[in-house]
Structures are given as C-alpha cells and as structure tokens.
C-alpha cells in the first residue's frame, strides 16, 4: 500500500477531523474513500466525453445507438457496489489522534 503525505489548511483539517469523529472512522479512511470516488467520477467523465466525440463523427442513427449502449453501461456502473478500502485501522491504536 502506498503512502501519501499532504498538507491541509486549518479549516479543511478541522472539517476532516470532525467528520472522522462523527463517522467513527479514521481520517485516512475518509480521504481514501473521497479520493476513490473522485477518481471514478473523473474516469466516468472521460468516458462520456469520449463517447460524445465519437458520436459527433457518426450520422444520427449511429450516434443514437452508441448513446443508448453507453447509457446502459453507465447505469450498470452506478449500480455496482462501491469497493471499501481493504485497510481499516482501529481508532486510537495507530498513533496519536488528529
């Protein structure tokens, strides 16, 4: 597993700490989940943009067929269960609480 160290401004740091406390999860768990969600959304947006570019190069009937196929794929992906991080630290056992 890779390690990422980053600086957060004071407001974001406090907000993250409050949310971790409310959820009874570690700050790292929340950041991993948020980053994973953001990356999946970026990939989805790239996929949609690629479909739109391809559709612009086709006639109207071809564009519609590709859009219908992509919609089904996109909906299926949205229904898929979100993977949880394999690592889940216990609060209070892995160093100082932030």
Foldseek 3Di string as FASTA:
>chain_A
DDDDDDDDPPVVVVVLLVVCVVVVFASVQVVVLVVVVVVVVVVVVVVVVVLVVVLVVDPPVVNVVSVVVVVVVVVVVVPDDDDGDPDGDHPPPPDDGD
